[in-house]
Amino acid sequence: MQLVNSVAGCAAILLVTAGTPADCEDKFPLTGDYTQNRPCKGDGNDPAEIQVKISPSEIVSKVTSCTIQKVRQEGNTIEAQVECQFPVSPLVGNVLFTARADGAISFIDREKNYHAILYRCSNKDARNSGNE
């Protein structure tokens, strides 16, 4: 098992190698634009309600924005400790991302209250969606 602090890890990469933020995104396997529970249309017109953007430091959806605090990867599963901002108060918890055979990613929170299938949008879809 490997324990990585995603934000600090990327900061160290940038300082030591004089890299760019894109270098961190390349090293974090979940970086990208996704749709929830429905494959991307491919034309950039997916509803805002189902769009999700993941970077090495955060997960952003219409519902909330979550800061990724720690990441642990084992096989095809990534567990992330996140702090999500809600109107009432922030919520800290863990979420699991598991790569599926069909290329989609299964997402579930530790308490199993919320489950979704994330479908990666191609770079072309992401550019057209206005989420960058």
Foldseek 3Di string as FASTA:
>chain_A
DDKFFLVVVLVCCCVPVVDDLVVSQVVDVVAAKWFWQDADPQQLPDDQQGIWGDGSFWIDGPQWIKGFGMWDDDDQKIKTWIWTDDPVGIDTFIKMWGQDPVRWIWIATPVRPDIIIIHGHDPSNVVSNPPD
